PDB file of N, CA and C in Angstrom:
ATOM      1  N   UNK A   1       0.848  -1.170   0.000  1.00  0.00           N
ATOM      2  CA  UNK A   1       0.000   0.000   0.000  1.00  0.00           C
ATOM      3  C   UNK A   1       0.895   1.235   0.000  1.00  0.00           C
ATOM      4  N   UNK A   2       0.628   2.159  -0.862  1.00  0.00           N
ATOM      5  CA  UNK A   2       1.415   3.386  -0.940  1.00  0.00           C
ATOM      6  C   UNK A   2       1.187   4.244   0.294  1.00  0.00           C
ATOM      7  N   UNK A   3       2.154   5.093   0.609  1.00  0.00           N
ATOM      8  CA  UNK A   3       2.055   5.886   1.829  1.00  0.00           C
ATOM      9  C   UNK A   3       1.224   7.151   1.672  1.00  0.00           C
ATOM     10  N   UNK A   4       0.841   7.518   0.447  1.00  0.00           N
ATOM     11  CA  UNK A   4       0.068   8.748   0.280  1.00  0.00           C
ATOM     12  C   UNK A   4      -1.266   8.547  -0.434  1.00  0.00           C
ATOM     13  N   UNK A   5      -1.539   7.354  -0.901  1.00  0.00           N
ATOM     14  CA  UNK A   5      -2.780   7.097  -1.635  1.00  0.00           C
ATOM     15  C   UNK A   5      -3.917   6.748  -0.674  1.00  0.00           C
ATOM     16  N   UNK A   6      -5.157   7.058  -1.054  1.00  0.00           N
ATOM     17  CA  UNK A   6      -6.295   6.614  -0.244  1.00  0.00           C
ATOM     18  C   UNK A   6      -6.348   5.089  -0.200  1.00  0.00           C
ATOM     19  N   UNK A   7      -6.901   4.551   0.878  1.00  0.00           N
ATOM     20  CA  UNK A   7      -7.072   3.101   0.965  1.00  0.00           C
ATOM     21  C   UNK A   7      -8.558   2.771   0.834  1.00  0.00           C
ATOM     22  N   UNK A   8      -8.881   1.726   0.076  1.00  0.00           N
ATOM     23  CA  UNK A   8     -10.281   1.314  -0.020  1.00  0.00           C
ATOM     24  C   UNK A   8     -10.648   0.461   1.195  1.00  0.00           C
ATOM     25  N   UNK A   9     -11.788   0.742   1.784  1.00  0.00           N
ATOM     26  CA  UNK A   9     -12.294  -0.045   2.911  1.00  0.00           C
ATOM     27  C   UNK A   9     -13.709  -0.479   2.552  1.00  0.00           C
ATOM     28  N   UNK A  10     -13.981  -1.773   2.676  1.00  0.00           N
ATOM     29  CA  UNK A  10     -15.318  -2.295   2.384  1.00  0.00           C
ATOM     30  C   UNK A  10     -15.833  -3.082   3.582  1.00  0.00           C
ATOM     31  N   UNK A  11     -17.148  -3.191   3.686  1.00  0.00           N
ATOM     32  CA  UNK A  11     -17.768  -3.923   4.779  1.00  0.00           C
ATOM     33  C   UNK A  11     -19.152  -4.385   4.358  1.00  0.00           C
ATOM     34  N   UNK A  12     -19.686  -5.307   5.131  1.00  0.00           N
ATOM     35  CA  UNK A  12     -21.050  -5.783   4.936  1.00  0.00           C
ATOM     36  C   UNK A  12     -21.840  -5.474   6.195  1.00  0.00           C
ATOM     37  N   UNK A  13     -22.916  -4.749   6.047  1.00  0.00           N
ATOM     38  CA  UNK A  13     -23.756  -4.360   7.179  1.00  0.00           C
ATOM     39  C   UNK A  13     -24.829  -5.423   7.400  1.00  0.00           C
ATOM     40  N   UNK A  14     -25.081  -5.733   8.670  1.00  0.00           N
ATOM     41  CA  UNK A  14     -26.181  -6.631   9.018  1.00  0.00           C
ATOM     42  C   UNK A  14     -27.239  -5.830   9.767  1.00  0.00           C
ATOM     43  N   UNK A  15     -28.407  -6.398   9.923  1.00  0.00           N
ATOM     44  CA  UNK A  15     -29.555  -5.659  10.468  1.00  0.00           C
ATOM     45  C   UNK A  15     -29.330  -5.141  11.885  1.00  0.00           C
ATOM     46  N   UNK A  16     -28.464  -5.771  12.654  1.00  0.00           N
ATOM     47  CA  UNK A  16     -28.238  -5.335  14.035  1.00  0.00           C
ATOM     48  C   UNK A  16     -27.159  -4.260  14.152  1.00  0.00           C
ATOM     49  N   UNK A  17     -26.487  -3.929  13.054  1.00  0.00           N
ATOM     50  CA  UNK A  17     -25.452  -2.890  13.083  1.00  0.00           C
ATOM     51  C   UNK A  17     -26.085  -1.507  13.193  1.00  0.00           C
ATOM     52  N   UNK A  18     -25.396  -0.586  13.864  1.00  0.00           N
ATOM     53  CA  UNK A  18     -25.904   0.787  13.902  1.00  0.00           C
ATOM     54  C   UNK A  18     -25.810   1.422  12.517  1.00  0.00           C
ATOM     55  N   UNK A  19     -26.561   2.473  12.298  1.00  0.00           N
ATOM     56  CA  UNK A  19     -26.555   3.148  11.002  1.00  0.00           C
ATOM     57  C   UNK A  19     -25.245   3.849  10.696  1.00  0.00           C
ATOM     58  N   UNK A  20     -24.585   4.346  11.731  1.00  0.00           N
ATOM     59  CA  UNK A  20     -23.353   5.112  11.555  1.00  0.00           C
ATOM     60  C   UNK A  20     -22.304   4.644  12.546  1.00  0.00           C
ATOM     61  N   UNK A  21     -21.045   4.780  12.155  1.00  0.00           N
ATOM     62  CA  UNK A  21     -19.934   4.394  13.023  1.00  0.00           C
ATOM     63  C   UNK A  21     -18.720   5.241  12.671  1.00  0.00           C
ATOM     64  N   UNK A  22     -17.688   5.147  13.487  1.00  0.00           N
ATOM     65  CA  UNK A  22     -16.413   5.803  13.216  1.00  0.00           C
ATOM     66  C   UNK A  22     -15.415   4.737  12.773  1.00  0.00           C
ATOM     67  N   UNK A  23     -14.460   5.133  11.958  1.00  0.00           N
ATOM     68  CA  UNK A  23     -13.439   4.221  11.460  1.00  0.00           C
ATOM     69  C   UNK A  23     -12.090   4.638  12.052  1.00  0.00           C
ATOM     70  N   UNK A  24     -11.417   3.687  12.717  1.00  0.00           N
ATOM     71  CA  UNK A  24     -10.165   3.978  13.418  1.00  0.00           C
ATOM     72  C   UNK A  24      -9.080   3.021  12.938  1.00  0.00           C
ATOM     73  N   UNK A  25      -7.927   3.575  12.580  1.00  0.00           N
ATOM     74  CA  UNK A  25      -6.762   2.774  12.213  1.00  0.00           C
ATOM     75  C   UNK A  25      -5.969   2.510  13.484  1.00  0.00           C
ATOM     76  N   UNK A  26      -5.722   1.245  13.771  1.00  0.00           N
ATOM     77  CA  UNK A  26      -5.051   0.851  15.008  1.00  0.00           C
ATOM     78  C   UNK A  26      -3.827   0.008  14.683  1.00  0.00           C
ATOM     79  N   UNK A  27      -2.790   0.169  15.483  1.00  0.00           N
ATOM     80  CA  UNK A  27      -1.624  -0.703  15.367  1.00  0.00           C
ATOM     81  C   UNK A  27      -1.120  -1.009  16.769  1.00  0.00           C
ATOM     82  N   UNK A  28      -1.420  -2.211  17.242  1.00  0.00           N
ATOM     83  CA  UNK A  28      -1.020  -2.634  18.580  1.00  0.00           C
ATOM     84  C   UNK A  28       0.401  -3.191  18.603  1.00  0.00           C
ATOM     85  N   UNK A  29       1.018  -3.376  17.421  1.00  0.00           N
ATOM     86  CA  UNK A  29       2.389  -3.890  17.360  1.00  0.00           C
ATOM     87  C   UNK A  29       3.426  -2.783  17.500  1.00  0.00           C
ATOM     88  N   UNK A  30       3.009  -1.544  17.341  1.00  0.00           N
ATOM     89  CA  UNK A  30       3.942  -0.417  17.487  1.00  0.00           C
ATOM     90  C   UNK A  30       4.137  -0.114  18.960  1.00  0.00           C
ATOM     91  N   UNK A  31       5.260   0.501  19.282  1.00  0.00           N
ATOM     92  CA  UNK A  31       5.526   0.872  20.658  1.00  0.00           C
ATOM     93  C   UNK A  31       5.777   2.370  20.715  1.00  0.00           C
ATOM     94  N   UNK A  32       4.861   3.152  21.259  1.00  0.00           N
ATOM     95  CA  UNK A  32       3.597   2.718  21.859  1.00  0.00           C
ATOM     96  C   UNK A  32       2.552   2.414  20.784  1.00  0.00           C
ATOM     97  N   UNK A  33       1.515   1.646  21.142  1.00  0.00           N
ATOM     98  CA  UNK A  33       0.427   1.370  20.198  1.00  0.00           C
ATOM     99  C   UNK A  33      -0.193   2.677  19.696  1.00  0.00           C
ATOM    100  N   UNK A  34      -0.683   2.653  18.460  1.00  0.00           N
ATOM    101  CA  UNK A  34      -1.244   3.867  17.869  1.00  0.00           C
ATOM    102  C   UNK A  34      -2.694   3.664  17.455  1.00  0.00           C
ATOM    103  N   UNK A  35      -3.434   4.762  17.489  1.00  0.00           N
ATOM    104  CA  UNK A  35      -4.799   4.795  16.971  1.00  0.00           C
ATOM    105  C   UNK A  35      -4.992   6.127  16.275  1.00  0.00           C
ATOM    106  N   UNK A  36      -5.574   6.083  15.090  1.00  0.00           N
ATOM    107  CA  UNK A  36      -5.812   7.283  14.300  1.00  0.00           C
ATOM    108  C   UNK A  36      -7.237   7.226  13.761  1.00  0.00           C
ATOM    109  N   UNK A  37      -8.049   8.219  14.086  1.00  0.00           N
ATOM    110  CA  UNK A  37      -9.408   8.275  13.545  1.00  0.00           C
ATOM    111  C   UNK A  37      -9.305   8.605  12.060  1.00  0.00           C
ATOM    112  N   UNK A  38      -9.857   7.732  11.232  1.00  0.00           N
ATOM    113  CA  UNK A  38      -9.814   7.927   9.784  1.00  0.00           C
ATOM    114  C   UNK A  38     -11.062   8.627   9.267  1.00  0.00           C
ATOM    115  N   UNK A  39     -12.208   8.315   9.859  1.00  0.00           N
ATOM    116  CA  UNK A  39     -13.473   8.902   9.411  1.00  0.00           C
ATOM    117  C   UNK A  39     -14.473   8.816  10.554  1.00  0.00           C
ATOM    118  N   UNK A  40     -15.321   9.824  10.648  1.00  0.00           N
ATOM    119  CA  UNK A  40     -16.370   9.822  11.665  1.00  0.00           C
ATOM    120  C   UNK A  40     -17.731   9.833  10.988  1.00  0.00           C
ATOM    121  N   UNK A  41     -18.699   9.314  11.701  1.00  0.00           N
ATOM    122  CA  UNK A  41     -20.092   9.297  11.242  1.00  0.00           C
ATOM    123  C   UNK A  41     -20.207   8.682   9.838  1.00  0.00           C
ATOM    124  N   UNK A  42     -19.572   7.515   9.674  1.00  0.00           N
ATOM    125  CA  UNK A  42     -19.611   6.796   8.400  1.00  0.00           C
ATOM    126  C   UNK A  42     -20.982   6.145   8.246  1.00  0.00           C
ATOM    127  N   UNK A  43     -21.600   6.325   7.100  1.00  0.00           N
ATOM    128  CA  UNK A  43     -22.899   5.723   6.801  1.00  0.00           C
ATOM    129  C   UNK A  43     -22.694   4.238   6.511  1.00  0.00           C
ATOM    130  N   UNK A  44     -23.134   3.381   7.432  1.00  0.00           N
ATOM    131  CA  UNK A  44     -22.930   1.944   7.304  1.00  0.00           C
ATOM    132  C   UNK A  44     -23.605   1.323   6.102  1.00  0.00           C
ATOM    133  N   UNK A  45     -24.644   1.959   5.576  1.00  0.00           N
ATOM    134  CA  UNK A  45     -25.354   1.388   4.430  1.00  0.00           C
ATOM    135  C   UNK A  45     -24.561   1.514   3.130  1.00  0.00           C
ATOM    136  N   UNK A  46     -23.520   2.329   3.105  1.00  0.00           N
ATOM    137  CA  UNK A  46     -22.732   2.533   1.879  1.00  0.00           C
ATOM    138  C   UNK A  46     -21.927   1.292   1.494  1.00  0.00           C
ATOM    139  N   UNK A  47     -21.386   0.572   2.471  1.00  0.00           N
ATOM    140  CA  UNK A  47     -20.653  -0.659   2.189  1.00  0.00           C
ATOM    141  C   UNK A  47     -19.204  -0.489   1.784  1.00  0.00           C
ATOM    142  N   UNK A  48     -18.788   0.727   1.461  1.00  0.00           N
ATOM    143  CA  UNK A  48     -17.384   0.955   1.114  1.00  0.00           C
ATOM    144  C   UNK A  48     -17.094   2.447   1.089  1.00  0.00           C
ATOM    145  N   UNK A  49     -15.821   2.766   1.185  1.00  0.00           N
ATOM    146  CA  UNK A  49     -15.374   4.141   1.004  1.00  0.00           C
ATOM    147  C   UNK A  49     -13.866   4.152   0.821  1.00  0.00           C
ATOM    148  N   UNK A  50     -13.370   5.182   0.170  1.00  0.00           N
ATOM    149  CA  UNK A  50     -11.931   5.400   0.049  1.00  0.00           C
ATOM    150  C   UNK A  50     -11.538   6.328   1.192  1.00  0.00           C
ATOM    151  N   UNK A  51     -10.580   5.900   1.984  1.00  0.00           N
ATOM    152  CA  UNK A  51     -10.163   6.667   3.151  1.00  0.00           C
ATOM    153  C   UNK A  51      -8.849   7.368   2.838  1.00  0.00           C
ATOM    154  N   UNK A  52      -8.850   8.680   2.975  1.00  0.00           N
ATOM    155  CA  UNK A  52      -7.638   9.457   2.731  1.00  0.00           C
ATOM    156  C   UNK A  52      -6.645   9.272   3.869  1.00  0.00           C
ATOM    157  N   UNK A  53      -5.356   9.420   3.578  1.00  0.00           N
ATOM    158  CA  UNK A  53      -4.347   9.251   4.630  1.00  0.00           C
ATOM    159  C   UNK A  53      -4.439  10.357   5.674  1.00  0.00           C
ATOM    160  N   UNK A  54      -3.975  10.074   6.892  1.00  0.00           N
ATOM    161  CA  UNK A  54      -3.897  11.119   7.909  1.00  0.00           C
ATOM    162  C   UNK A  54      -2.953  12.231   7.445  1.00  0.00           C
ATOM    163  N   UNK A  55      -2.934  13.338   8.154  1.00  0.00           N
ATOM    164  CA  UNK A  55      -2.137  14.498   7.739  1.00  0.00           C
ATOM    165  C   UNK A  55      -0.659  14.165   7.566  1.00  0.00           C
ATOM    166  N   UNK A  56      -0.126  13.241   8.326  1.00  0.00           N
ATOM    167  CA  UNK A  56       1.274  12.857   8.198  1.00  0.00           C
ATOM    168  C   UNK A  56       1.505  11.743   7.196  1.00  0.00           C
ATOM    169  N   UNK A  57       0.450  11.317   6.497  1.00  0.00           N
ATOM    170  CA  UNK A  57       0.552  10.197   5.564  1.00  0.00           C
ATOM    171  C   UNK A  57       0.451   8.872   6.305  1.00  0.00           C
ATOM    172  N   UNK A  58       0.396   7.802   5.536  1.00  0.00           N
ATOM    173  CA  UNK A  58       0.373   6.464   6.128  1.00  0.00           C
ATOM    174  C   UNK A  58       1.784   6.136   6.587  1.00  0.00           C
ATOM    175  N   UNK A  59       1.944   5.679   7.812  1.00  0.00           N
ATOM    176  CA  UNK A  59       3.261   5.320   8.342  1.00  0.00           C
ATOM    177  C   UNK A  59       3.516   3.847   8.027  1.00  0.00           C
ATOM    178  N   UNK A  60       4.547   3.552   7.218  1.00  0.00           N
ATOM    179  CA  UNK A  60       4.821   2.161   6.862  1.00  0.00           C
ATOM    180  C   UNK A  60       5.145   1.313   8.098  1.00  0.00           C
ATOM    181  N   UNK A  61       4.443   0.197   8.233  1.00  0.00           N
ATOM    182  CA  UNK A  61       4.658  -0.732   9.347  1.00  0.00           C
ATOM    183  C   UNK A  61       3.717  -1.917   9.169  1.00  0.00           C
ATOM    184  N   UNK A  62       4.037  -3.054   9.782  1.00  0.00           N
ATOM    185  CA  UNK A  62       3.099  -4.176   9.821  1.00  0.00           C
ATOM    186  C   UNK A  62       2.138  -4.007  10.995  1.00  0.00           C
ATOM    187  N   UNK A  63       1.111  -4.839  11.042  1.00  0.00           N
ATOM    188  CA  UNK A  63       0.261  -4.937  12.223  1.00  0.00           C
ATOM    189  C   UNK A  63      -0.907  -3.981  12.317  1.00  0.00           C
ATOM    190  N   UNK A  64      -1.269  -3.330  11.212  1.00  0.00           N
ATOM    191  CA  UNK A  64      -2.417  -2.422  11.251  1.00  0.00           C
ATOM    192  C   UNK A  64      -3.730  -3.194  11.202  1.00  0.00           C
ATOM    193  N   UNK A  65      -4.766  -2.590  11.772  1.00  0.00           N
ATOM    194  CA  UNK A  65      -6.139  -3.072  11.661  1.00  0.00           C
ATOM    195  C   UNK A  65      -7.048  -1.857  11.570  1.00  0.00           C
ATOM    196  N   UNK A  66      -8.171  -2.010  10.884  1.00  0.00           N
ATOM    197  CA  UNK A  66      -9.197  -0.972  10.857  1.00  0.00           C
ATOM    198  C   UNK A  66     -10.317  -1.424  11.780  1.00  0.00           C
ATOM    199  N   UNK A  67     -10.662  -0.567  12.734  1.00  0.00           N
ATOM    200  CA  UNK A  67     -11.751  -0.844  13.668  1.00  0.00           C
ATOM    201  C   UNK A  67     -12.948   0.024  13.317  1.00  0.00           C
ATOM    202  N   UNK A  68     -14.127  -0.568  13.344  1.00  0.00           N
ATOM    203  CA  UNK A  68     -15.373   0.181  13.225  1.00  0.00           C
ATOM    204  C   UNK A  68     -15.882   0.357  14.645  1.00  0.00           C
ATOM    205  N   UNK A  69     -16.042   1.608  15.064  1.00  0.00           N
ATOM    206  CA  UNK A  69     -16.280   1.931  16.465  1.00  0.00           C
ATOM    207  C   UNK A  69     -17.560   2.743  16.615  1.00  0.00           C
ATOM    208  N   UNK A  70     -18.297   2.462  17.669  1.00  0.00           N
ATOM    209  CA  UNK A  70     -19.493   3.243  18.011  1.00  0.00           C
ATOM    210  C   UNK A  70     -19.513   3.410  19.523  1.00  0.00           C
ATOM    211  N   UNK A  71     -19.593   4.646  19.990  1.00  0.00           N
ATOM    212  CA  UNK A  71     -19.651   4.946  21.427  1.00  0.00           C
ATOM    213  C   UNK A  71     -18.527   4.268  22.203  1.00  0.00           C
ATOM    214  N   UNK A  72     -17.323   4.254  21.621  1.00  0.00           N
ATOM    215  CA  UNK A  72     -16.153   3.717  22.304  1.00  0.00           C
ATOM    216  C   UNK A  72     -15.983   2.210  22.221  1.00  0.00           C
ATOM    217  N   UNK A  73     -16.968   1.502  21.679  1.00  0.00           N
ATOM    218  CA  UNK A  73     -16.872   0.046  21.566  1.00  0.00           C
ATOM    219  C   UNK A  73     -16.574  -0.378  20.140  1.00  0.00           C
ATOM    220  N   UNK A  74     -15.773  -1.429  19.982  1.00  0.00           N
ATOM    221  CA  UNK A  74     -15.439  -1.938  18.653  1.00  0.00           C
ATOM    222  C   UNK A  74     -16.571  -2.832  18.160  1.00  0.00           C
ATOM    223  N   UNK A  75     -17.151  -2.455  17.023  1.00  0.00           N
ATOM    224  CA  UNK A  75     -18.221  -3.238  16.397  1.00  0.00           C
ATOM    225  C   UNK A  75     -17.655  -4.339  15.513  1.00  0.00           C
ATOM    226  N   UNK A  76     -16.582  -4.003  14.801  1.00  0.00           N
ATOM    227  CA  UNK A  76     -15.947  -4.945  13.873  1.00  0.00           C
ATOM    228  C   UNK A  76     -14.494  -4.534  13.713  1.00  0.00           C
ATOM    229  N   UNK A  77     -13.681  -5.497  13.294  1.00  0.00           N
ATOM    230  CA  UNK A  77     -12.248  -5.255  13.171  1.00  0.00           C
ATOM    231  C   UNK A  77     -11.728  -6.029  11.964  1.00  0.00           C
ATOM    232  N   UNK A  78     -10.894  -5.379  11.170  1.00  0.00           N
ATOM    233  CA  UNK A  78     -10.297  -6.056  10.017  1.00  0.00           C
ATOM    234  C   UNK A  78      -9.209  -7.009  10.484  1.00  0.00           C
ATOM    235  N   UNK A  79      -8.761  -7.840   9.575  1.00  0.00           N
ATOM    236  CA  UNK A  79      -7.555  -8.606   9.820  1.00  0.00           C
ATOM    237  C   UNK A  79      -6.356  -7.671   9.780  1.00  0.00           C
ATOM    238  N   UNK A  80      -5.218  -8.163  10.216  1.00  0.00           N
ATOM    239  CA  UNK A  80      -4.019  -7.331  10.200  1.00  0.00           C
ATOM    240  C   UNK A  80      -3.487  -7.180   8.777  1.00  0.00           C
ATOM    241  N   UNK A  81      -2.906  -6.010   8.508  1.00  0.00           N
ATOM    242  CA  UNK A  81      -2.283  -5.745   7.219  1.00  0.00           C
ATOM    243  C   UNK A  81      -1.093  -4.827   7.423  1.00  0.00           C
ATOM    244  N   UNK A  82      -0.264  -4.735   6.407  1.00  0.00           N
ATOM    245  CA  UNK A  82       0.923  -3.873   6.451  1.00  0.00           C
ATOM    246  C   UNK A  82       0.740  -2.680   5.535  1.00  0.00           C
ATOM    247  N   UNK A  83       1.333  -1.577   5.913  1.00  0.00           N
ATOM    248  CA  UNK A  83       1.455  -0.420   5.038  1.00  0.00           C
ATOM    249  C   UNK A  83       2.928  -0.347   4.658  1.00  0.00           C
ATOM    250  N   UNK A  84       3.193  -0.309   3.359  1.00  0.00           N
ATOM    251  CA  UNK A  84       4.571  -0.291   2.874  1.00  0.00           C
ATOM    252  C   UNK A  84       4.801   0.925   1.995  1.00  0.00           C
ATOM    253  N   UNK A  85       6.057   1.288   1.840  1.00  0.00           N
ATOM    254  CA  UNK A  85       6.394   2.379   0.923  1.00  0.00           C
ATOM    255  C   UNK A  85       6.196   1.895  -0.493  1.00  0.00           C
ATOM    256  N   UNK A  86       5.775   2.796  -1.354  1.00  0.00           N
ATOM    257  CA  UNK A  86       5.536   2.451  -2.752  1.00  0.00           C
ATOM    258  C   UNK A  86       6.823   2.490  -3.532  1.00  0.00           C
TER     259      UNK A  86
END
Protein backbone atom coordinates (compact mmCIF):
# COMPACT_ATOMS: atom_id res chain seq x y z
CA UNK A 1 0.00 0.00 0.00
CA UNK A 2 1.41 3.39 -0.94
CA UNK A 3 2.05 5.89 1.83
CA UNK A 4 0.07 8.75 0.28
CA UNK A 5 -2.78 7.10 -1.63
CA UNK A 6 -6.29 6.61 -0.24
CA UNK A 7 -7.07 3.10 0.97
CA UNK A 8 -10.28 1.31 -0.02
CA UNK A 9 -12.29 -0.05 2.91
CA UNK A 10 -15.32 -2.30 2.38
CA UNK A 11 -17.77 -3.92 4.78
CA UNK A 12 -21.05 -5.78 4.94
CA UNK A 13 -23.76 -4.36 7.18
CA UNK A 14 -26.18 -6.63 9.02
CA UNK A 15 -29.55 -5.66 10.47
CA UNK A 16 -28.24 -5.34 14.03
CA UNK A 17 -25.45 -2.89 13.08
CA UNK A 18 -25.90 0.79 13.90
CA UNK A 19 -26.56 3.15 11.00
CA UNK A 20 -23.35 5.11 11.55
CA UNK A 21 -19.93 4.39 13.02
CA UNK A 22 -16.41 5.80 13.22
CA UNK A 23 -13.44 4.22 11.46
CA UNK A 24 -10.17 3.98 13.42
CA UNK A 25 -6.76 2.77 12.21
CA UNK A 26 -5.05 0.85 15.01
CA UNK A 27 -1.62 -0.70 15.37
CA UNK A 28 -1.02 -2.63 18.58
CA UNK A 29 2.39 -3.89 17.36
CA UNK A 30 3.94 -0.42 17.49
CA UNK A 31 5.53 0.87 20.66
CA UNK A 32 3.60 2.72 21.86
CA UNK A 33 0.43 1.37 20.20
CA UNK A 34 -1.24 3.87 17.87
CA UNK A 35 -4.80 4.79 16.97
CA UNK A 36 -5.81 7.28 14.30
CA UNK A 37 -9.41 8.28 13.54
CA UNK A 38 -9.81 7.93 9.78
CA UNK A 39 -13.47 8.90 9.41
CA UNK A 40 -16.37 9.82 11.67
CA UNK A 41 -20.09 9.30 11.24
CA UNK A 42 -19.61 6.80 8.40
CA UNK A 43 -22.90 5.72 6.80
CA UNK A 44 -22.93 1.94 7.30
CA UNK A 45 -25.35 1.39 4.43
CA UNK A 46 -22.73 2.53 1.88
CA UNK A 47 -20.65 -0.66 2.19
CA UNK A 48 -17.38 0.95 1.11
CA UNK A 49 -15.37 4.14 1.00
CA UNK A 50 -11.93 5.40 0.05
CA UNK A 51 -10.16 6.67 3.15
CA UNK A 52 -7.64 9.46 2.73
CA UNK A 53 -4.35 9.25 4.63
CA UNK A 54 -3.90 11.12 7.91
CA UNK A 55 -2.14 14.50 7.74
CA UNK A 56 1.27 12.86 8.20
CA UNK A 57 0.55 10.20 5.56
CA UNK A 58 0.37 6.46 6.13
CA UNK A 59 3.26 5.32 8.34
CA UNK A 60 4.82 2.16 6.86
CA UNK A 61 4.66 -0.73 9.35
CA UNK A 62 3.10 -4.18 9.82
CA UNK A 63 0.26 -4.94 12.22
CA UNK A 64 -2.42 -2.42 11.25
CA UNK A 65 -6.14 -3.07 11.66
CA UNK A 66 -9.20 -0.97 10.86
CA UNK A 67 -11.75 -0.84 13.67
CA UNK A 68 -15.37 0.18 13.22
CA UNK A 69 -16.28 1.93 16.46
CA UNK A 70 -19.49 3.24 18.01
CA UNK A 71 -19.65 4.95 21.43
CA UNK A 72 -16.15 3.72 22.30
CA UNK A 73 -16.87 0.05 21.57
CA UNK A 74 -15.44 -1.94 18.65
CA UNK A 75 -18.22 -3.24 16.40
CA UNK A 76 -15.95 -4.94 13.87
CA UNK A 77 -12.25 -5.26 13.17
CA UNK A 78 -10.30 -6.06 10.02
CA UNK A 79 -7.56 -8.61 9.82
CA UNK A 80 -4.02 -7.33 10.20
CA UNK A 81 -2.28 -5.74 7.22
CA UNK A 82 0.92 -3.87 6.45
CA UNK A 83 1.46 -0.42 5.04
CA UNK A 84 4.57 -0.29 2.87
CA UNK A 85 6.39 2.38 0.92
CA UNK A 86 5.54 2.45 -2.75
